[in-house]
Structure formats: C-alpha cells, structure tokens
Amino acid sequence: MSEKQRTIKQSVSLEGVGLHTGKAVTLEICPAPANHGYKFQRVDQEGEPIINADVDLVVSTERGTTLEKNGIRIYTTEHVLAALYGMQVDNALIKLNAPEIPIMDGSALPFVEAIESVGYEEQDAEREYFVLDEIIPWEDPEKGNEILAVPDENYRLTVMVDYKSPVLGTQHASMYNIGEFREEIAKCRTFVFLRELEFLAKNNLIKGGDLDNAIVLVEREEVSQEELDNLAKLLGKEDLKIEVKGMGVLNTIKLQYQNEPARHKLLDIVGDLALVGKPIKAHILGARPGHSGNVQFAKILKDKIKAQAKAPKKFDLEKEPIYNINDIEKMLPHRYPFLLVDKVIEMTEDGIVGVKNITMNEPQFTGHFPGNPVFPGVLQIEAMAQCGGIYALSKVDEPELYSTYFMKIDNVKFKQKVIPGDTVVFELNLLSPMRRGLVNMGGKAYVNGQVVMEAEMLAQVIKDKA
C-alpha cells in the first residue's frame, strides 16, 4: 500500500547553544512542500542561503556531521535530522540564526517533542522509498568500522559498539522498524570519555559543552577529586560536586539504559543516513560506527539510488493477473480491434499496472507502415487510457453500466518506437483524488523496463446505461 509524504502543521522553535561553537542559536523547524526534503537556511547570513541536507555537501565529520555550501556551514546536523527522519517527516525547512544546531540535552528528544507539539500534515505526493535490492558491505580497516546493508521490507538498524574500553565494554542496540525510534532511541544522549572531555575543553573545542548534555565515561580506576574539581571549573561548573559513580560514569547524568551509548550511535546513523535523500527500506548493521563511516556509507547508498533510477524497471509479468482479458471485456465496452489491454497485473489504492502485447496480426500495421511496422502513438495513449478506465470502473458498483470519456491529455512524450513483439506495460497513478467521477492520472509506458511513452490524462466516469 502506498504512503503519502508529510510535513509539520506549523513552525516550531527551539533555543540553545552549539556544542562546539558555543554560540546561542534559535532553530525553527518549518513546514515545507511535497518533494522538498530537508533543507537548512542560515537566516543570519546575507541572502539567507539554503543548504540541502545532502551527503555530497558534507565537509567534516569531526565530532559531528557538518555541511557546507558556498562557504556557509551548518554544524552538528545529525540529531535534528534523526528526529525528522525518525518521526517520518518527509519535508521540512530548518532555519537557524547561527552556524550550529543546538545540542540541547545531547539527544534527539527535544526536537521530537517540538515536532509532536505542532503535529503533522499529510501531503498529496507519494512517499518514495529507496528499496535496497542487493547486499552492500563496507569496511574501513584502519578505523575498524564496518557497515552492512541487506534488503528488508522495513528500515532496521543493528549496532555493535566496541571501543575496547573497560567501562563501556561491547554493547549492542537494535531498532526493528522506524516506528521504534520515538520510544527506544530518540532520548539516548551522546557520550564522551573523560580523557576526551579534558582534551577538548583544554583546547577550546567544546565551547558549548556541558556536563548535562553528554554521558561522561571514566576509564581510569582512580580519578582524584582535585581533577574532577578542575574539570568542573574548566566547564564553568565550579559549584557542582562531580563524582564517579556506578559503571565509571560521572554523577551528572544517570544512564537511561545500560546500552545507551550504543543506542545513541544508532541515533547518529539515522541522522547521517537521512542525508541520502530518501526514506530507506533495508537492514543496516554497523560495527563500531562513527560519523565518518556513516557518511561514506550514505554516499554509497546515494550512488545506488542513482543507479536504480537508470536501471530498467522490473515488472513480474508471470504472476497471476488481477483481471484477465475476459474480466476486462466485462468492464470495458471496447472490442476488437480497439480493445488494447490484455491483462492487469497490479492494482493499488491509487494506481494500476496493465499489459498490452503487440503482435503483427493487428490491423493498424497494414498501413502503419508497410515494411516498417510501428505501433501508433495515438494507440499507445488509448491503451494507457483504457488502463485508467479499468482502474476507475473498479471503484464503482456494476461497472458494465458506466463508460469513461477523455476530457484532457497533457505532457505527452514519446521516447522510442514500439513495434510488433514488444510487451508494453502501462503504470498509472492518481494525480489527485477521484471526485464527482473525475479521474486524473499520470502514467508511463515501459518496454523491457525502459520508458517509451508518458502522459497525464483527465477523464470522467459516466453512467450511461440503466
């Protein structure tokens, strides 16, 4: 069953600071039209430039994923993108008045709650998935990162985290479908080792860092209170008593799950793979993932999408038809030599796939053309229209009492000639909901998976028999 794209009902704002820049930022998530995707807009810059959430625009993966276009950057994009993707928002414009997305509490939950607070709006366009059709492995031997994608009917993620750390150990996390993101993944916060935090703070690299927006893991058996007090001072938390408790975690944050670090790595993958540009149907398995590997793998997936778009479209012509020629004769008034659909192999809520076999025995080839038989373009349009008529008549009771009549044809294009021996597959989908008997459909005709013709058609279904 097809799914519609959606955006949010109205704009929603959040305020915070950027983790690395330390700059205060107001971020506004805005509704966007169908097929818009995710885009960022720097409203603090001249001309308010827009930067697409596109993996090809990634310029850095150091401690986060950074996009850049024409010298304008957006830092730490992964958490807000994970929230949008995880809540199945297809289209959004993300405005901000500083270079970095606010870190908030180190998770995607504040963005998720903001999205939920305004609700969703369904759009007319279909949600177009990237459906993986082969196994894709990837490995970075130097960093020890591995990612594997295998075909799946859902978007599944499995993550293994192993930093050879005595405190973190080996952790696993899984998300069996995107519907689990809200409750199982969104609230999981970023983590950092104490040794990294000390280095980053001393080198002025986490200007917006705070002890309440990250899980701090301590690997050493003994850490003096003096060291912890100095760290608090370095981070501007002199009045906070820092201690090491439990699994070598600073007392400033309590773990929500024992495997919260692994779940956050899964969250990062969702955000980084959102840069592919389409919702995904595949099972992604990651071992020791990081932003660099996520982005490299996202580029591989984007290349695969491009290759799929160029590849011939596949139809299963061997499966049992939904309507055979006898069924079609009961629905359509057309007869030889003007019945131009042999069978219907697919029918969805808003579309149909029909088949026409071209043979030399058809009368039009007597004069079109002797010695060079070509199936006329006008008959291709008629055959496509008959497929649309079957779809329309399938929606009414007693279809034999109705007829469909052309009202308009638009945007007709012929790509290559159709000849005897070809099997033409017509795929049509509604361009708008059926109302008052009006049926507006867009269609493409394929031979061997390649488009040979396309058109948009408007027809009316009329009851002309008692």
Protein backbone atom coordinates (compact mmCIF):
# COMPACT_ATOMS: atom_id res chain seq x y z
CA MET A 1 0.00 0.00 0.00
CA SER A 2 1.34 3.43 -0.93
CA GLU A 3 2.06 6.07 1.68
CA LYS A 4 1.73 9.83 1.47
CA GLN A 5 4.50 12.27 2.29
CA ARG A 6 4.01 14.53 5.27
CA THR A 7 5.33 17.71 6.81
CA ILE A 8 4.50 19.50 10.07
CA LYS A 9 1.38 21.62 10.53
CA GLN A 10 3.17 24.79 11.60
CA SER A 11 6.58 26.13 12.53
CA VAL A 12 8.12 25.39 15.91
CA SER A 13 11.18 26.98 17.54
CA LEU A 14 13.87 25.83 19.97
CA GLU A 15 16.70 27.74 21.61
CA GLY A 16 20.05 26.50 22.83
CA VAL A 17 23.78 26.63 22.21
CA GLY A 18 26.02 24.90 19.71
CA LEU A 19 28.19 22.20 21.26
CA HIS A 20 31.41 23.17 19.50
CA THR A 21 30.91 26.84 18.63
CA GLY A 22 29.27 27.71 21.97
CA LYS A 23 27.08 30.22 20.16
CA ALA A 24 23.49 30.82 21.19
CA VAL A 25 21.11 29.73 18.45
CA THR A 26 17.42 29.84 17.68
CA LEU A 27 16.33 26.96 15.45
CA GLU A 28 12.97 26.94 13.69
CA ILE A 29 11.57 23.83 12.03
CA CYS A 30 9.11 24.93 9.32
CA PRO A 31 6.61 23.13 7.08
CA ALA A 32 7.76 22.54 3.51
CA PRO A 33 6.01 21.47 0.28
CA ALA A 34 5.95 17.92 -1.07
CA ASN A 35 9.24 16.62 -2.52
CA HIS A 36 11.15 19.42 -0.74
CA GLY A 37 13.11 17.08 1.52
CA TYR A 38 15.23 18.53 4.32
CA LYS A 39 16.95 21.87 3.85
CA PHE A 40 18.76 24.22 6.24
CA GLN A 41 18.62 28.00 6.00
CA ARG A 42 21.08 30.40 7.63
CA VAL A 43 18.85 33.42 8.31
CA ASP A 44 21.78 35.27 9.90
CA GLN A 45 23.67 35.43 6.60
CA GLU A 46 23.22 37.80 3.68
CA GLY A 47 20.61 36.45 1.30
CA GLU A 48 19.57 33.81 3.86
CA PRO A 49 21.24 30.97 1.90
CA ILE A 50 19.73 27.48 1.83
CA ILE A 51 21.84 24.35 2.19
CA ASN A 52 20.35 21.00 1.24
CA ALA A 53 20.67 18.11 3.69
CA ASP A 54 22.73 16.24 1.12
CA VAL A 55 25.57 13.82 1.83
CA ASP A 56 27.52 15.35 -1.06
CA LEU A 57 27.74 18.60 0.91
CA VAL A 58 29.41 17.04 3.99
CA VAL A 59 32.79 18.67 4.59
CA SER A 60 33.64 17.40 8.08
CA THR A 61 32.71 14.52 10.39
CA GLU A 62 34.87 15.57 13.34
CA ARG A 63 32.72 15.21 16.47
CA GLY A 64 29.60 15.68 14.32
CA THR A 65 28.41 16.00 10.72
CA THR A 66 29.00 19.37 9.05
CA LEU A 67 27.52 20.61 5.76
CA GLU A 68 28.86 23.45 3.65
CA LYS A 69 27.78 25.27 0.51
CA ASN A 70 29.42 28.40 -0.90
CA GLY A 71 31.41 28.87 2.28
CA ILE A 72 28.37 28.72 4.59
CA ARG A 73 28.38 25.90 7.13
CA ILE A 74 25.87 24.03 9.27
CA TYR A 75 27.48 22.13 12.15
CA THR A 76 26.20 19.08 14.09
CA THR A 77 23.25 18.25 11.85
CA GLU A 78 22.70 14.64 12.91
CA HIS A 79 20.32 14.96 15.89
CA VAL A 80 17.70 17.20 14.29
CA LEU A 81 17.81 15.13 11.09
CA ALA A 82 17.39 11.94 13.10
CA ALA A 83 14.32 13.45 14.78
CA LEU A 84 12.73 14.41 11.45
CA TYR A 85 13.53 11.08 9.82
CA GLY A 86 12.59 9.07 12.90
CA MET A 87 9.19 10.79 13.12
CA GLN A 88 8.68 10.23 9.39
CA VAL A 89 8.53 13.89 8.44
CA ASP A 90 9.48 13.94 4.76
CA ASN A 91 9.70 17.68 4.15
CA ALA A 92 10.98 20.46 6.41
CA LEU A 93 12.90 23.73 6.24
CA ILE A 94 15.22 24.16 9.22
CA LYS A 95 16.04 27.82 9.85
CA LEU A 96 18.80 28.89 12.24
CA ASN A 97 20.50 32.15 13.13
CA ALA A 98 23.93 30.69 13.92
CA PRO A 99 26.23 28.11 12.34
CA GLU A 100 25.44 25.17 14.62
CA ILE A 101 22.35 23.16 15.57
CA PRO A 102 21.74 23.48 19.34
CA ILE A 103 22.98 20.48 21.32
CA MET A 104 20.01 20.63 23.73
CA ASP A 105 20.35 17.61 26.08
CA GLY A 106 22.60 15.67 23.70
CA SER A 107 19.76 13.58 22.25
CA ALA A 108 17.09 13.95 19.56
CA LEU A 109 14.23 14.06 22.06
CA PRO A 110 13.83 17.87 22.31
CA PHE A 111 13.44 18.03 18.51
CA VAL A 112 11.00 15.10 18.54
CA GLU A 113 8.86 16.76 21.22
CA ALA A 114 8.87 20.03 19.27
CA ILE A 115 7.69 18.20 16.14
CA GLU A 116 4.97 16.40 18.10
CA SER A 117 3.78 19.66 19.67
CA VAL A 118 2.62 21.01 16.28
CA GLY A 119 1.53 17.76 14.64
CA TYR A 120 1.68 16.52 11.07
CA GLU A 121 0.08 17.38 7.75
CA GLU A 122 -0.36 14.73 5.06
CA GLN A 123 0.59 15.81 1.54
CA ASP A 124 -0.63 14.70 -1.89
CA ALA A 125 2.67 13.26 -3.13
CA GLU A 126 3.61 9.63 -2.58
CA ARG A 127 6.44 8.75 -0.23
CA GLU A 128 9.16 7.30 -2.45
CA TYR A 129 11.40 4.78 -0.71
CA PHE A 130 14.87 3.63 -1.57
CA VAL A 131 14.32 -0.14 -1.57
CA LEU A 132 17.62 -1.98 -1.36
CA ASP A 133 17.77 -4.93 -3.77
CA GLU A 134 21.25 -6.29 -3.03
CA ILE A 135 23.68 -6.77 -0.14
CA ILE A 136 26.14 -3.88 0.24
CA PRO A 137 29.19 -4.31 2.52
CA TRP A 138 31.61 -1.55 3.55
CA GLU A 139 34.68 -1.55 5.76
CA ASP A 140 37.36 0.86 6.97
CA PRO A 141 40.19 -1.43 8.17
CA GLU A 142 42.18 1.45 9.64
CA LYS A 143 39.39 2.59 11.96
CA GLY A 144 37.84 -0.84 12.38
CA ASN A 145 34.44 0.40 11.17
CA GLU A 146 32.11 -1.94 9.30
CA ILE A 147 28.65 -1.38 7.86
CA LEU A 148 26.50 -3.90 6.04
CA ALA A 149 23.18 -3.24 4.31
CA VAL A 150 20.86 -6.10 3.39
CA PRO A 151 17.39 -5.99 1.75
CA ASP A 152 14.48 -5.73 4.18
CA GLU A 153 10.85 -4.62 3.99
CA ASN A 154 11.42 -2.19 6.89
CA TYR A 155 14.10 0.29 7.93
CA ARG A 156 16.01 -1.75 10.51
CA LEU A 157 19.21 -0.90 12.33
CA THR A 158 21.56 -3.03 14.40
CA VAL A 159 24.63 -1.51 16.02
CA MET A 160 27.61 -3.02 17.82
CA VAL A 161 29.87 -0.66 19.77
CA ASP A 162 33.28 -1.84 20.96
CA TYR A 163 35.90 0.74 21.90
CA LYS A 164 37.96 -1.83 23.80
CA SER A 165 37.08 0.20 26.86
CA PRO A 166 36.96 -1.44 30.31
CA VAL A 167 33.97 0.69 31.27
CA LEU A 168 31.97 0.66 28.03
CA GLY A 169 32.62 -2.93 27.05
CA THR A 170 30.88 -4.33 23.98
CA GLN A 171 27.33 -3.04 23.53
CA HIS A 172 24.58 -3.84 21.05
CA ALA A 173 21.41 -1.96 20.12
CA SER A 174 18.66 -2.66 17.59
CA MET A 175 15.70 -0.88 16.04
CA TYR A 176 13.39 -3.31 14.21
CA ASN A 177 11.44 -0.60 12.38
CA ILE A 178 11.38 3.19 12.26
CA GLY A 179 8.29 3.23 14.49
CA GLU A 180 10.51 2.30 17.45
CA PHE A 181 12.63 5.44 17.12
CA ARG A 182 10.43 7.65 19.31
CA GLU A 183 10.37 5.46 22.41
CA GLU A 184 13.59 3.44 22.16
CA ILE A 185 16.18 5.70 20.51
CA ALA A 186 15.29 9.42 20.49
CA LYS A 187 16.11 10.13 24.15
CA CYS A 188 19.54 8.46 24.12
CA ARG A 189 22.28 11.03 24.66
CA THR A 190 25.71 11.46 23.21
CA PHE A 191 28.66 10.17 25.20
CA VAL A 192 32.29 11.11 25.64
CA PHE A 193 35.23 9.64 27.54
CA LEU A 194 36.67 11.71 30.37
CA ARG A 195 40.09 11.77 28.66
CA GLU A 196 38.46 13.24 25.53
CA LEU A 197 36.48 15.78 27.52
CA GLU A 198 39.59 17.06 29.26
CA PHE A 199 41.44 17.40 25.93
CA LEU A 200 38.53 19.06 24.15
CA ALA A 201 37.89 21.52 26.97
CA LYS A 202 41.55 22.48 27.36
CA ASN A 203 41.81 23.06 23.60
CA ASN A 204 38.66 25.22 23.49
CA LEU A 205 36.92 22.74 21.18
CA ILE A 206 33.60 22.30 23.01
CA LYS A 207 32.69 25.86 23.84
CA GLY A 208 29.06 24.86 24.35
CA GLY A 209 29.91 21.68 26.22
CA ASP A 210 28.13 21.00 29.48
CA LEU A 211 28.02 18.14 31.92
CA ASP A 212 24.27 17.79 31.47
CA ASN A 213 24.25 17.23 27.68
CA ALA A 214 26.56 14.23 27.46
CA ILE A 215 27.29 10.97 29.26
CA VAL A 216 30.88 11.16 30.52
CA LEU A 217 32.57 7.75 30.79
CA VAL A 218 35.57 7.33 33.10
CA GLU A 219 38.00 4.54 32.24
CA ARG A 220 40.60 5.05 34.95
CA GLU A 221 40.15 3.23 38.24
CA GLU A 222 41.11 6.28 40.24
CA VAL A 223 40.38 9.90 39.48
CA SER A 224 41.28 12.41 42.12
CA GLN A 225 38.68 14.82 43.40
CA GLU A 226 41.08 17.62 42.51
CA GLU A 227 41.00 16.54 38.85
CA LEU A 228 37.21 16.47 38.89
CA ASP A 229 37.04 19.89 40.54
CA ASN A 230 39.40 21.30 37.92
CA LEU A 231 37.22 19.82 35.17
CA ALA A 232 34.14 21.43 36.69
CA LYS A 233 35.94 24.76 36.75
CA LEU A 234 37.10 24.32 33.16
CA LEU A 235 33.48 23.79 32.09
CA GLY A 236 32.13 26.64 34.21
CA LYS A 237 30.53 24.34 36.80
CA GLU A 238 32.55 25.32 39.88
CA ASP A 239 29.55 24.94 42.17
CA LEU A 240 28.84 21.36 41.03
CA LYS A 241 30.19 18.44 43.05
CA ILE A 242 31.41 15.94 40.45
CA GLU A 243 31.87 12.30 41.42
CA VAL A 244 32.41 8.99 39.64
CA LYS A 245 29.55 6.56 40.30
CA GLY A 246 28.36 3.22 39.05
CA MET A 247 29.82 1.99 35.76
CA GLY A 248 32.50 4.65 35.62
CA VAL A 249 30.01 7.36 34.72
CA LEU A 250 30.14 10.88 36.13
CA ASN A 251 27.28 11.53 38.54
CA THR A 252 25.98 14.45 36.46
CA ILE A 253 23.83 12.15 34.30
CA LYS A 254 22.15 8.84 35.06
CA LEU A 255 22.06 6.24 32.30
CA GLN A 256 18.58 5.62 30.91
CA TYR A 257 19.65 2.24 29.52
CA GLN A 258 22.72 0.16 30.19
CA ASN A 259 23.37 0.29 26.42
CA GLU A 260 22.51 3.98 26.00
CA PRO A 261 25.85 4.71 24.25
CA ALA A 262 25.10 2.04 21.60
CA ARG A 263 21.56 3.37 21.17
CA HIS A 264 22.95 6.85 20.61
CA LYS A 265 25.28 5.52 17.92
CA LEU A 266 22.17 4.10 16.28
CA LEU A 267 20.54 7.54 16.53
CA ASP A 268 23.57 9.07 14.79
CA ILE A 269 23.26 6.57 11.94
CA VAL A 270 19.60 7.54 11.45
CA GLY A 271 20.59 11.22 11.26
CA ASP A 272 23.56 10.72 8.97
CA LEU A 273 21.73 8.38 6.58
CA ALA A 274 18.92 10.94 6.32
CA LEU A 275 21.41 12.76 4.07
CA VAL A 276 20.79 10.08 1.43
CA GLY A 277 17.62 11.97 0.46
CA LYS A 278 15.04 9.18 0.60
CA PRO A 279 13.47 7.02 3.29
CA ILE A 280 15.18 3.65 3.29
CA LYS A 281 13.92 0.08 3.28
CA ALA A 282 16.91 -2.03 4.32
CA HIS A 283 18.55 -3.58 7.35
CA ILE A 284 21.68 -1.61 8.25
CA LEU A 285 24.18 -3.34 10.52
CA GLY A 286 27.03 -1.28 11.94
CA ALA A 287 30.10 -2.33 13.92
CA ARG A 288 31.94 0.47 15.76
CA PRO A 289 30.19 3.14 13.66
CA GLY A 290 31.09 6.81 13.57
CA HIS A 291 30.12 9.88 11.58
CA SER A 292 32.91 9.38 9.03
CA GLY A 293 31.85 5.83 8.21
CA ASN A 294 28.16 6.73 8.26
CA VAL A 295 28.74 9.47 5.70
CA GLN A 296 30.91 7.29 3.46
CA PHE A 297 28.22 4.62 3.51
CA ALA A 298 25.49 7.21 2.83
CA LYS A 299 27.39 8.19 -0.33
CA ILE A 300 27.42 4.55 -1.43
CA LEU A 301 23.66 4.34 -0.89
CA LYS A 302 23.10 7.58 -2.83
CA ASP A 303 25.12 6.17 -5.74
CA LYS A 304 22.96 3.06 -5.57
CA ILE A 305 19.81 5.21 -5.78
CA LYS A 306 21.19 6.90 -8.89
CA ALA A 307 21.98 3.51 -10.44
CA GLN A 308 18.50 2.23 -9.64
CA ALA A 309 16.96 5.28 -11.31
CA LYS A 310 18.84 4.48 -14.52
CA ALA A 311 18.18 0.74 -14.40
CA PRO A 312 15.24 -0.78 -16.31
CA LYS A 313 12.09 -1.01 -14.19
CA LYS A 314 11.12 -4.56 -13.30
CA PHE A 315 7.60 -5.95 -13.58
CA ASP A 316 6.59 -9.51 -12.81
CA LEU A 317 4.73 -10.46 -16.00
CA GLU A 318 4.41 -14.10 -14.95
CA LYS A 319 2.23 -13.62 -11.88
CA GLU A 320 -1.48 -14.33 -11.86
CA PRO A 321 -3.33 -11.32 -13.33
CA ILE A 322 -5.84 -9.42 -11.25
CA TYR A 323 -8.00 -9.03 -14.37
CA ASN A 324 -7.58 -11.27 -17.44
CA ILE A 325 -8.96 -10.45 -20.89
CA ASN A 326 -12.37 -11.95 -20.06
CA ASP A 327 -12.63 -9.83 -16.92
CA ILE A 328 -11.63 -6.73 -18.87
CA GLU A 329 -14.33 -7.33 -21.50
CA LYS A 330 -16.91 -7.31 -18.71
CA MET A 331 -15.71 -3.86 -17.59
CA LEU A 332 -14.83 -2.01 -20.80
CA PRO A 333 -17.19 -1.50 -23.76
CA HIS A 334 -14.27 -1.76 -26.24
CA ARG A 335 -13.96 -4.72 -28.61
CA TYR A 336 -11.69 -5.80 -31.48
CA PRO A 337 -9.89 -4.03 -32.98
CA PHE A 338 -10.00 -1.36 -30.26
CA LEU A 339 -9.61 -3.36 -27.04
CA LEU A 340 -5.95 -2.61 -26.24
CA VAL A 341 -5.36 -4.07 -22.76
CA ASP A 342 -4.67 -7.80 -22.40
CA LYS A 343 -4.42 -8.06 -18.60
CA VAL A 344 -3.98 -6.12 -15.35
CA ILE A 345 -1.18 -7.38 -13.08
CA GLU A 346 -1.31 -4.84 -10.24
CA MET A 347 -3.93 -2.68 -8.57
CA THR A 348 -3.31 -0.41 -5.59
CA GLU A 349 -5.43 2.14 -3.78
CA ASP A 350 -4.35 4.82 -6.23
CA GLY A 351 -2.79 3.06 -9.19
CA ILE A 352 -2.86 0.28 -11.77
CA VAL A 353 -0.43 -1.68 -13.96
CA GLY A 354 -1.76 -3.12 -17.22
CA VAL A 355 -0.17 -5.05 -20.08
CA LYS A 356 -0.55 -4.90 -23.88
CA ASN A 357 1.18 -7.44 -26.14
CA ILE A 358 1.95 -6.05 -29.59
CA THR A 359 1.56 -8.53 -32.46
CA MET A 360 1.88 -8.23 -36.23
CA ASN A 361 -1.70 -9.52 -36.62
CA GLU A 362 -3.19 -6.16 -35.60
CA PRO A 363 -4.90 -4.21 -38.41
CA GLN A 364 -3.07 -0.91 -37.95
CA PHE A 365 0.15 -2.45 -39.25
CA THR A 366 -1.41 -2.81 -42.71
CA GLY A 367 -0.80 0.88 -43.26
CA HIS A 368 1.48 1.93 -40.35
CA PHE A 369 3.87 1.31 -42.01
CA PRO A 370 4.39 -1.31 -44.75
CA GLY A 371 7.84 -2.80 -44.30
CA ASN A 372 8.35 -0.82 -41.08
CA PRO A 373 5.56 -1.66 -38.62
CA VAL A 374 5.26 0.87 -35.77
CA PHE A 375 2.56 0.84 -33.11
CA PRO A 376 0.96 4.32 -33.40
CA GLY A 377 1.47 6.80 -30.60
CA VAL A 378 -2.23 7.60 -30.55
CA LEU A 379 -2.98 3.94 -29.80
CA GLN A 380 -0.39 3.93 -27.02
CA ILE A 381 -2.32 6.79 -25.45
CA GLU A 382 -5.60 4.94 -25.98
CA ALA A 383 -4.21 1.76 -24.38
CA MET A 384 -2.98 3.76 -21.39
CA ALA A 385 -6.37 5.45 -21.11
CA GLN A 386 -8.10 2.07 -21.16
CA CYS A 387 -5.92 1.00 -18.22
CA GLY A 388 -7.04 4.15 -16.41
CA GLY A 389 -10.62 3.31 -17.31
CA ILE A 390 -10.29 -0.13 -15.76
CA TYR A 391 -8.96 1.48 -12.58
CA ALA A 392 -11.82 3.99 -12.48
CA LEU A 393 -14.53 1.40 -13.19
CA SER A 394 -13.14 -0.88 -10.49
CA LYS A 395 -14.22 1.80 -8.00
CA VAL A 396 -17.93 1.69 -8.91
CA ASP A 397 -20.66 -0.90 -8.50
CA GLU A 398 -21.86 -2.53 -11.72
CA PRO A 399 -19.03 -1.14 -13.90
CA GLU A 400 -20.68 -2.51 -17.04
CA LEU A 401 -23.24 0.32 -16.73
CA TYR A 402 -20.54 3.02 -16.94
CA SER A 403 -18.17 4.43 -19.54
CA THR A 404 -15.10 6.64 -19.25
CA TYR A 405 -14.64 9.63 -21.56
CA PHE A 406 -11.49 11.64 -22.30
CA MET A 407 -11.54 15.27 -21.18
CA LYS A 408 -7.89 16.29 -21.42
CA ILE A 409 -4.42 14.95 -22.26
CA ASP A 410 -1.27 16.77 -21.09
CA ASN A 411 2.51 16.40 -21.15
CA VAL A 412 2.60 13.56 -23.67
CA LYS A 413 6.11 12.39 -24.57
CA PHE A 414 7.19 9.56 -26.84
CA LYS A 415 10.65 8.22 -26.01
CA GLN A 416 11.13 5.41 -28.55
CA LYS A 417 9.09 3.46 -31.07
CA VAL A 418 7.02 0.39 -30.16
CA ILE A 419 6.98 -2.50 -32.63
CA PRO A 420 5.44 -5.97 -33.01
CA GLY A 421 6.92 -8.40 -30.49
CA ASP A 422 7.06 -5.77 -27.74
CA THR A 423 5.19 -6.16 -24.48
CA VAL A 424 4.09 -2.73 -23.24
CA VAL A 425 3.49 -2.26 -19.51
CA PHE A 426 1.36 0.74 -18.54
CA GLU A 427 1.78 2.08 -14.99
CA LEU A 428 -0.68 4.80 -13.91
CA ASN A 429 -1.22 6.60 -10.60
CA LEU A 430 -3.76 9.15 -9.44
CA LEU A 431 -2.54 12.74 -9.56
CA SER A 432 -5.43 13.84 -7.33
CA PRO A 433 -8.25 12.02 -5.51
CA MET A 434 -11.24 10.94 -7.59
CA ARG A 435 -14.14 13.39 -7.16
CA ARG A 436 -17.53 13.60 -8.92
CA GLY A 437 -16.47 10.97 -11.41
CA LEU A 438 -13.34 12.87 -12.48
CA VAL A 439 -10.20 10.74 -12.76
CA ASN A 440 -6.84 12.49 -13.18
CA MET A 441 -3.93 10.08 -13.66
CA GLY A 442 -0.31 10.24 -14.71
CA GLY A 443 1.22 7.26 -16.46
CA LYS A 444 4.28 5.79 -18.09
CA ALA A 445 4.55 3.03 -20.69
CA TYR A 446 7.51 0.63 -20.50
CA VAL A 447 9.07 -1.86 -22.90
CA ASN A 448 11.77 -4.05 -21.35
CA GLY A 449 11.72 -1.78 -18.32
CA GLN A 450 12.52 1.38 -20.31
CA VAL A 451 10.06 4.27 -20.64
CA VAL A 452 8.68 4.55 -24.17
CA MET A 453 5.84 7.00 -23.51
CA GLU A 454 4.38 9.11 -20.71
CA ALA A 455 1.28 11.26 -20.34
CA GLU A 456 -1.19 12.86 -17.93
CA MET A 457 -4.88 12.25 -18.54
CA LEU A 458 -8.19 13.53 -17.25
CA ALA A 459 -11.35 11.52 -17.83
CA GLN A 460 -14.87 11.34 -16.48
CA VAL A 461 -16.77 8.24 -15.46
CA ILE A 462 -20.42 8.47 -16.53
CA LYS A 463 -23.29 6.05 -16.01
CA ASP A 464 -24.84 5.77 -19.45
CA LYS A 465 -26.88 2.59 -19.07
CA ALA A 466 -29.89 1.85 -16.91
